Protein backbone atom coordinates (compact mmCIF):
# COMPACT_ATOMS: atom_id res chain seq x y z
CA ASP A 1 41.29 2.82 1.20
CA VAL A 2 41.42 4.03 4.78
CA LEU A 3 43.40 1.20 6.33
CA GLY A 4 45.68 1.00 3.32
CA LEU A 5 46.42 4.69 3.79
CA CYS A 6 47.57 3.95 7.32
CA SER A 7 50.00 1.28 6.16
CA SER A 8 52.91 3.71 5.73
CA ARG A 9 54.23 6.92 7.23
CA GLN A 10 55.33 10.16 5.64
CA ASP A 11 58.91 8.82 5.47
CA HIS A 12 59.59 7.32 2.07
CA LEU A 13 60.27 3.61 1.61
CA ARG A 14 63.04 2.73 -0.77
CA PRO A 15 63.85 -0.81 -1.90
CA SER A 16 67.10 -2.59 -1.26
CA ASN A 17 66.65 -4.20 -4.67
CA SER A 18 64.58 -3.73 -7.80
CA ARG A 19 61.72 -5.98 -6.68
CA MET A 20 60.30 -3.22 -4.50
CA SER A 21 57.99 -2.17 -7.32
CA THR A 22 55.90 -5.31 -6.78
CA SER A 23 55.09 -4.47 -3.17
CA PRO A 24 51.38 -3.92 -2.55
CA LEU A 25 52.32 -1.64 0.33
CA LEU A 26 53.69 0.83 -2.17
CA ALA A 27 51.18 0.04 -4.88
CA ARG A 28 48.34 1.19 -2.69
CA ARG A 29 49.86 4.55 -1.87
CA PRO A 30 48.48 7.52 -3.80
CA PRO A 31 50.46 8.15 -7.00
CA ASP A 32 51.59 11.57 -5.84
CA MET A 33 53.05 10.00 -2.68
CA ARG A 34 55.21 7.28 -4.31
CA MET A 35 58.79 8.39 -3.98
CA SER A 36 57.57 11.96 -4.48
CA SER A 37 59.93 14.86 -3.98
CA ASP A 38 57.04 17.17 -3.25
CA GLY A 39 57.61 18.07 0.39
CA ALA A 40 54.24 19.72 0.88
CA GLY A 41 52.40 16.71 -0.52
CA ALA A 42 54.40 14.38 1.69
CA ALA A 43 53.64 16.47 4.77
CA ASP A 44 49.92 16.56 4.00
CA GLY A 45 49.89 12.81 3.37
CA GLY A 46 51.78 12.19 6.60
CA LYS A 47 49.27 14.21 8.59
CA ALA A 48 46.38 12.32 7.00
CA ARG A 49 47.97 8.98 7.82
CA GLY A 50 48.71 10.11 11.35
CA CYS A 51 45.11 11.16 11.90
CA CYS A 52 43.89 7.90 10.42
CA THR A 53 46.14 5.88 12.72
CA LEU A 54 44.93 7.82 15.75
CA ALA A 55 41.32 7.24 14.72
CA LEU A 56 41.92 3.50 14.44
CA VAL A 57 43.72 3.40 17.80
CA ALA A 58 40.77 5.23 19.38
CA PHE A 59 38.31 2.85 17.69
CA TYR A 60 40.00 -0.31 18.96
CA ALA A 61 40.46 1.20 22.42
CA CYS A 62 36.73 1.98 22.58
CA VAL A 63 35.87 -1.53 21.38
CA ALA A 64 38.06 -3.03 24.12
CA LEU A 65 36.56 -0.78 26.78
CA GLY A 66 33.00 -1.48 25.65
CA PHE A 67 33.49 -5.24 25.69
CA SER A 68 35.22 -5.10 29.07
CA VAL A 69 32.18 -3.34 30.51
CA LEU A 70 29.85 -5.94 28.99
CA LEU A 71 31.98 -8.82 30.24
CA GLY A 72 32.17 -7.37 33.74
CA SER A 73 28.41 -6.87 33.80
CA THR A 74 27.75 -10.45 32.68
CA ILE A 75 30.14 -11.88 35.26
CA LYS A 76 28.60 -9.74 38.02
CA THR A 77 25.02 -10.60 37.08
CA HIS A 78 25.27 -14.26 36.08
CA GLY A 79 28.71 -15.50 37.15
CA LEU A 80 30.82 -17.74 34.95
CA PHE A 81 31.61 -20.76 37.14
CA PRO A 82 30.11 -23.20 37.59
CA PHE A 83 28.45 -23.36 34.18
CA LYS A 84 24.66 -23.32 34.47
CA LEU A 85 23.75 -24.90 31.17
CA ASP A 86 20.30 -25.89 32.41
CA ASP A 87 19.48 -22.22 33.10
CA ALA A 88 18.16 -20.46 29.99
CA SER A 89 18.85 -16.95 31.29
CA TRP A 90 22.47 -17.85 32.11
CA GLY A 91 22.93 -19.51 28.73
CA VAL A 92 21.47 -16.60 26.77
CA ALA A 93 23.52 -14.03 28.70
CA TRP A 94 26.79 -15.84 28.07
CA LEU A 95 25.83 -16.65 24.49
CA ALA A 96 25.32 -12.93 23.80
CA THR A 97 28.62 -12.05 25.51
CA THR A 98 30.49 -14.70 23.52
CA VAL A 99 28.95 -13.46 20.27
CA VAL A 100 30.22 -9.94 21.05
CA ASP A 101 33.63 -11.39 21.93
CA TYR A 102 33.73 -13.08 18.53
CA TYR A 103 32.97 -9.82 16.77
CA VAL A 104 35.71 -8.03 18.72
CA VAL A 105 38.18 -10.59 17.33
CA ALA A 106 36.59 -10.22 13.89
CA ALA A 107 37.07 -6.43 14.06
CA CYS A 108 40.80 -6.92 14.68
CA MET A 109 41.04 -9.53 11.94
CA CYS A 110 39.18 -7.25 9.55
CA GLY A 111 41.71 -4.50 10.27
CA VAL A 112 44.49 -6.80 9.09
CA VAL A 113 42.54 -7.95 6.04
CA LEU A 114 41.50 -4.47 4.93
CA ALA A 115 45.08 -3.23 5.25
CA SER A 116 46.46 -6.22 3.34
CA GLU A 117 43.99 -6.67 0.48
CA SER A 118 42.45 -4.43 -2.14
CA THR A 119 39.40 -2.51 -0.97
CA LEU A 120 36.85 -4.76 -2.67
CA ALA A 121 38.56 -8.02 -1.72
CA GLY A 122 38.99 -6.83 1.88
CA ILE A 123 35.31 -5.93 2.19
CA VAL A 124 34.25 -9.31 0.76
CA TRP A 125 36.52 -11.25 3.12
CA CYS A 126 35.33 -9.24 6.14
CA ALA A 127 31.68 -9.78 5.20
CA LEU A 128 32.36 -13.53 5.08
CA PHE A 129 34.01 -13.51 8.54
CA CYS A 130 31.15 -11.54 10.04
CA LEU A 131 28.23 -13.32 8.36
CA LEU A 132 29.44 -16.89 7.90
CA GLY A 133 32.00 -17.28 10.64
CA ALA A 134 35.50 -18.54 11.33
CA PRO A 135 35.81 -21.08 8.46
CA PHE A 136 36.33 -18.11 6.15
CA GLY A 137 38.95 -16.71 8.49
CA CYS A 138 40.77 -20.02 8.14
CA ALA A 139 40.30 -19.86 4.36
CA TRP A 140 41.89 -16.41 4.23
CA VAL A 141 44.87 -17.54 6.33
CA ILE A 142 45.36 -20.51 4.00
CA TYR A 143 45.16 -18.20 0.98
CA ARG A 144 47.82 -15.89 2.43
CA MET A 145 50.12 -18.77 3.37
CA VAL A 146 49.89 -20.27 -0.11
CA SER A 147 50.33 -16.95 -1.91
CA THR A 148 52.90 -15.17 0.27
CA GLU A 149 54.33 -17.89 2.57
CA THR A 150 54.01 -15.68 5.65
CA LEU A 151 51.47 -14.36 8.13
CA ALA A 152 53.77 -11.69 9.57
CA LEU A 153 52.68 -8.08 9.72
CA ALA A 154 54.81 -5.50 7.95
CA ALA A 155 56.68 -2.88 9.94
CA ALA A 156 56.48 0.57 8.37
CA ARG A 157 58.28 2.36 11.18
CA THR A 158 61.43 0.36 11.78
CA HIS A 159 64.74 1.68 10.54
CA ALA A 160 65.75 -1.59 8.90
CA ALA A 161 62.63 -3.65 8.40
CA GLN A 162 63.71 -7.05 7.15
CA PRO A 163 61.27 -9.40 5.44
CA PRO A 164 60.17 -12.38 7.53
CA ALA A 165 61.98 -15.65 7.08
CA ALA A 166 60.28 -18.05 4.72
CA VAL A 167 58.92 -21.28 6.17
CA SER A 168 59.86 -24.62 4.67
CA GLN A 169 57.49 -26.37 2.30
CA LEU A 170 56.77 -28.89 5.05
CA GLY A 171 56.05 -26.11 7.52
CA LYS A 172 53.76 -24.37 5.05
CA GLY A 173 51.96 -27.63 4.38
CA LEU A 174 51.44 -28.27 8.09
CA ILE A 175 50.08 -24.75 8.63
CA VAL A 176 47.70 -25.07 5.69
CA ALA A 177 46.57 -28.50 6.93
CA PHE A 178 46.02 -27.18 10.47
CA TYR A 179 43.83 -24.29 9.38
CA GLY A 180 42.03 -26.51 6.92
CA PHE A 181 41.21 -28.92 9.74
CA VAL A 182 40.09 -26.12 12.08
CA GLY A 183 37.85 -24.60 9.42
CA VAL A 184 36.24 -27.89 8.42
CA ALA A 185 35.83 -29.04 12.03
CA PHE A 186 33.99 -25.89 13.00
CA PHE A 187 31.88 -26.01 9.84
CA VAL A 188 30.76 -29.55 10.81
CA ARG A 189 29.90 -28.37 14.32
CA LEU A 190 27.99 -25.35 12.99
CA SER A 191 26.05 -27.52 10.56
CA TRP A 192 25.12 -29.94 13.35
CA THR A 193 23.90 -27.09 15.56
CA LEU A 194 21.88 -25.52 12.76
CA TYR A 195 20.25 -28.87 11.98
CA ASN A 196 19.38 -29.75 15.59
CA PHE A 197 18.83 -26.25 17.01
CA PRO A 198 17.84 -23.87 14.19
CA LEU A 199 19.06 -20.34 14.74
CA PHE A 200 15.73 -18.70 13.85
CA PRO A 201 13.43 -18.11 15.51
CA LEU A 202 15.55 -17.38 18.54
CA GLN A 203 14.58 -19.70 21.41
CA THR A 204 15.80 -17.63 24.32
CA ASP A 205 13.58 -19.47 26.79
CA SER A 206 15.16 -22.84 25.95
CA ALA A 207 18.19 -23.87 28.00
CA ALA A 208 19.10 -26.61 25.50
CA TRP A 209 19.03 -24.16 22.56
CA ALA A 210 21.09 -21.59 24.47
CA ALA A 211 23.64 -24.21 25.56
CA ALA A 212 24.05 -25.61 22.04
CA TRP A 213 24.66 -22.15 20.55
CA PHE A 214 26.88 -21.15 23.47
CA TRP A 215 29.27 -24.04 22.75
CA THR A 216 29.10 -23.41 19.01
CA THR A 217 29.93 -19.74 19.46
CA ILE A 218 32.87 -20.67 21.67
CA GLY A 219 34.08 -22.89 18.83
CA ASP A 220 33.65 -19.99 16.41
CA PHE A 221 35.57 -17.67 18.72
CA TYR A 222 38.51 -20.03 19.17
CA SER A 223 38.65 -20.91 15.48
CA LEU A 224 39.09 -17.24 14.58
CA THR A 225 41.42 -16.83 17.55
CA SER A 226 43.68 -19.49 16.03
CA CYS A 227 43.96 -17.31 12.92
CA MET A 228 44.99 -14.25 14.93
CA CYS A 229 47.41 -16.40 16.93
CA GLY A 230 49.08 -17.46 13.71
CA ILE A 231 49.54 -13.83 12.72
CA ALA A 232 50.88 -12.92 16.18
CA LEU A 233 53.35 -15.83 16.23
CA PHE A 234 54.68 -15.02 12.77
CA THR A 235 54.96 -11.35 13.67
CA GLU A 236 56.26 -11.35 17.23
CA GLY A 237 58.35 -14.51 17.34
CA ALA A 238 58.02 -17.50 19.64
CA VAL A 239 58.30 -15.94 23.10
CA MET A 240 56.30 -12.73 22.69
CA GLY A 241 53.96 -14.45 20.25
CA LEU A 242 53.13 -17.14 22.81
CA LEU A 243 52.54 -14.53 25.49
CA TRP A 244 50.13 -12.62 23.25
CA CYS A 245 48.39 -15.82 22.19
CA THR A 246 47.96 -16.88 25.82
CA SER A 247 46.31 -13.56 26.59
CA PHE A 248 44.05 -13.97 23.53
CA VAL A 249 42.95 -17.45 24.55
CA LEU A 250 42.46 -16.79 28.27
CA LEU A 251 41.34 -13.16 28.40
CA GLY A 252 39.59 -12.60 25.09
CA GLY A 253 38.68 -9.57 23.02
CA PRO A 254 40.34 -6.70 24.96
CA PHE A 255 43.76 -8.26 24.44
CA PHE A 256 43.19 -8.65 20.71
CA CYS A 257 42.45 -4.93 20.68
CA ALA A 258 45.52 -4.23 22.84
CA TRP A 259 47.79 -6.03 20.38
CA THR A 260 46.15 -4.28 17.43
CA VAL A 261 46.63 -0.88 19.09
CA PHE A 262 50.24 -1.78 19.90
CA ARG A 263 50.96 -2.64 16.26
CA LEU A 264 49.26 0.48 14.95
CA TRP A 265 50.90 2.81 17.44
CA THR A 266 54.38 1.31 17.24
CA PHE A 267 54.67 0.21 13.62
CA GLY A 268 52.03 2.26 11.83
CA THR A 269 50.35 -0.55 9.89
CA LEU A 270 48.20 -3.66 10.15
CA ALA A 271 49.12 -4.89 6.68
CA LEU A 272 50.67 -8.30 6.25
CA SER A 273 54.13 -8.45 4.77
CA PRO A 274 53.81 -8.86 0.99
CA ASN A 275 55.95 -11.99 0.94
CA ALA A 276 58.58 -13.89 2.86
CA ALA A 277 61.24 -13.70 0.19
CA GLY A 278 60.89 -10.07 -0.88
CA PRO A 279 63.36 -7.22 -0.48
CA ALA A 280 64.43 -5.60 2.74
CA TYR A 281 62.75 -2.26 3.30
CA VAL A 282 64.73 0.71 4.51
CA ILE A 283 63.06 3.87 5.72
CA SER A 284 64.56 7.01 4.31
CA ASN A 285 64.02 10.59 5.34
CA SER A 286 65.31 11.89 2.03
């Protein structure tokens, strides 16, 4: 599990209480690396995790750069404002750019999912995001809120990483209801578009078809963006979380990648915290 391997560093994690054994962050480490006293094995594992983290940082940086080039080209060639929804070429160009923007967000979301779930479950969830859209991103967020009561990312490289504060039952209910509404609302919109403007065959010479799918893809993008915003707000707190979310909403895919790179580089993991009421984690060099 590549992303799972990146979820911890060569320093050992030791629990502040006996419940540490239930943590999936430890459970997914290789057996010979769990609290092992084998210095050589720990060093080799640390190098592997370091290389894996660097590879992921490079991947997300390349994704951000590639999308930035595409976005700049689309703006230069077709312009964004005013919207030209009666122009098929404009609609198709921005539809394609928005689709790529969605998949940039999906790539960041998939990084979190693959680091947080088992390999098989992570692959299944990511396939659902990529093939069937944002409603399944909302479903995954709801699943994590119900099962762990948090959307905060873990921090493998802090010296006293405390578990996130648990939300109240009312707060959890409101979050679940919000993502349920977002997922259902977008599903209704997608169904309407599919019924009135079938996806296949592609009608790239039709301005009406391009406009309908352009708006639908924007809805898909912002539905999945709301999921990443929830994770950012839980992880970064109100002020920094709002700043990151504003950049996500206004500036798109490159800033999702920037936040993902920041978390990987600074904290060494994209995994969600196992729960909101679990033990405090203390990094030990012993």
